[in-house]
C-alpha atoms as a PDB file:
ATOM      1  CA  MET A   1       1.201 -11.040  11.075  1.00  0.00           C
ATOM      2  CA  VAL A   2      -0.588 -13.398   8.696  1.00  0.00           C
ATOM      3  CA  PHE A   3      -2.051 -11.882   5.544  1.00  0.00           C
ATOM      4  CA  ASP A   4      -4.771 -14.475   4.891  1.00  0.00           C
ATOM      5  CA  ASN A   5      -7.525 -11.872   5.014  1.00  0.00           C
ATOM      6  CA  TRP A   6      -5.516  -9.021   3.499  1.00  0.00           C
ATOM      7  CA  GLU A   7      -5.002  -8.076  -0.139  1.00  0.00           C
ATOM      8  CA  LYS A   8      -2.178  -6.189  -1.823  1.00  0.00           C
ATOM      9  CA  ILE A   9      -3.604  -3.041  -3.379  1.00  0.00           C
ATOM     10  CA  PHE A  10      -0.493  -1.057  -4.312  1.00  0.00           C
ATOM     11  CA  GLU A  11       3.232  -1.493  -4.828  1.00  0.00           C
ATOM     12  CA  THR A  12       6.046   0.909  -5.538  1.00  0.00           C
ATOM     13  CA  SER A  13       9.815   1.102  -5.470  1.00  0.00           C
ATOM     14  CA  PHE A  14       9.658   4.376  -3.545  1.00  0.00           C
ATOM     15  CA  GLN A  15       9.132   4.457   0.212  1.00  0.00           C
ATOM     16  CA  HIS A  16       7.736   7.990   0.197  1.00  0.00           C
ATOM     17  CA  ARG A  17       5.011   7.003  -2.281  1.00  0.00           C
ATOM     18  CA  ALA A  18       4.032   4.039  -0.124  1.00  0.00           C
ATOM     19  CA  GLU A  19       3.810   6.353   2.897  1.00  0.00           C
ATOM     20  CA  ILE A  20       1.682   8.885   0.995  1.00  0.00           C
ATOM     21  CA  VAL A  21      -0.787   6.186  -0.076  1.00  0.00           C
ATOM     22  CA  ARG A  22      -0.881   4.694   3.434  1.00  0.00           C
ATOM     23  CA  GLU A  23      -1.529   8.075   5.009  1.00  0.00           C
ATOM     24  CA  TYR A  24      -4.247   8.957   2.494  1.00  0.00           C
ATOM     25  CA  LEU A  25      -6.062   5.661   3.024  1.00  0.00           C
ATOM     26  CA  GLU A  26      -5.764   5.901   6.804  1.00  0.00           C
ATOM     27  CA  GLN A  27      -7.396   9.345   6.604  1.00  0.00           C
ATOM     28  CA  GLN A  28     -10.285   7.558   4.854  1.00  0.00           C
ATOM     29  CA  SER A  29     -10.489   5.131   7.855  1.00  0.00           C
ATOM     30  CA  PHE A  30      -8.819   2.137   6.208  1.00  0.00           C
ATOM     31  CA  SER A  31      -6.397  -0.160   8.011  1.00  0.00           C
ATOM     32  CA  VAL A  32      -3.198  -0.269   5.963  1.00  0.00           C
ATOM     33  CA  VAL A  33       0.030  -2.232   6.330  1.00  0.00           C
ATOM     34  CA  ILE A  34       3.227  -1.581   4.373  1.00  0.00           C
ATOM     35  CA  MET A  35       5.459  -4.573   3.693  1.00  0.00           C
ATOM     36  CA  ASN A  36       9.043  -3.583   2.899  1.00  0.00           C
ATOM     37  CA  LYS A  37      10.246  -6.126   0.344  1.00  0.00           C
ATOM     38  CA  GLN A  38      13.303  -4.096  -0.569  1.00  0.00           C
ATOM     39  CA  ASP A  39      16.726  -5.719  -0.281  1.00  0.00           C
ATOM     40  CA  SER A  40      18.630  -3.779   2.366  1.00  0.00           C
ATOM     41  CA  SER A  41      22.030  -4.338   0.752  1.00  0.00           C
ATOM     42  CA  TYR A  42      21.239  -3.404  -2.837  1.00  0.00           C
ATOM     43  CA  HIS A  43      18.161  -1.167  -2.398  1.00  0.00           C
ATOM     44  CA  PHE A  44      16.007  -2.798  -5.030  1.00  0.00           C
ATOM     45  CA  GLY A  45      12.597  -4.321  -4.568  1.00  0.00           C
ATOM     46  CA  LYS A  46       9.158  -3.053  -3.694  1.00  0.00           C
ATOM     47  CA  TYR A  47       7.043  -1.641  -0.917  1.00  0.00           C
ATOM     48  CA  GLU A  48       3.657  -3.350  -0.877  1.00  0.00           C
ATOM     49  CA  LEU A  49       0.494  -1.978   0.719  1.00  0.00           C
ATOM     50  CA  TYR A  50      -2.145  -4.321   2.089  1.00  0.00           C
ATOM     51  CA  VAL A  51      -5.674  -3.686   3.353  1.00  0.00           C
ATOM     52  CA  PRO A  52      -8.247  -6.094   4.802  1.00  0.00           C
ATOM     53  CA  LEU A  53      -9.893  -8.167   2.075  1.00  0.00           C
ATOM     54  CA  LYS A  54     -13.293  -6.578   2.749  1.00  0.00           C
ATOM     55  CA  ASP A  55     -11.866  -3.118   1.897  1.00  0.00           C
ATOM     56  CA  ALA A  56      -9.668  -4.055  -1.065  1.00  0.00           C
ATOM     57  CA  ILE A  57     -11.948  -3.073  -3.959  1.00  0.00           C
ATOM     58  CA  ILE A  58     -12.786   0.332  -2.511  1.00  0.00           C
ATOM     59  CA  ALA A  59      -9.172   1.028  -1.497  1.00  0.00           C
ATOM     60  CA  LYS A  60      -7.858   0.085  -4.973  1.00  0.00           C
ATOM     61  CA  THR A  61     -10.424   2.384  -6.573  1.00  0.00           C
ATOM     62  CA  ILE A  62      -9.371   5.268  -4.326  1.00  0.00           C
ATOM     63  CA  VAL A  63      -5.678   4.702  -5.102  1.00  0.00           C
ATOM     64  CA  GLU A  64      -6.335   4.544  -8.852  1.00  0.00           C
ATOM     65  CA  ASN A  65      -8.670   7.556  -9.026  1.00  0.00           C
ATOM     66  CA  GLU A  66      -7.605   9.925  -6.263  1.00  0.00           C
ATOM     67  CA  ILE A  67      -3.827   9.562  -5.895  1.00  0.00           C
ATOM     68  CA  SER A  68      -1.396  10.679  -8.579  1.00  0.00           C
ATOM     69  CA  PHE A  69       2.369  11.054  -8.562  1.00  0.00           C
ATOM     70  CA  GLU A  70       2.664  12.928 -11.853  1.00  0.00           C
END
């Protein structure tokens, strides 16, 4: 999959957080892809979420204002 027309909107070190954000955005009718950039041997790195470029601003706003892990 080529990400020319996709933008990264969220990243985390925790898989469960990436899944929560993906699920929330999919419920809002966004297409979401998670890229696992974590090293399988040492378990460090990030999970990155991408949405189509046309949806990036709205999706980022939703993540920032409606999703909290505190």
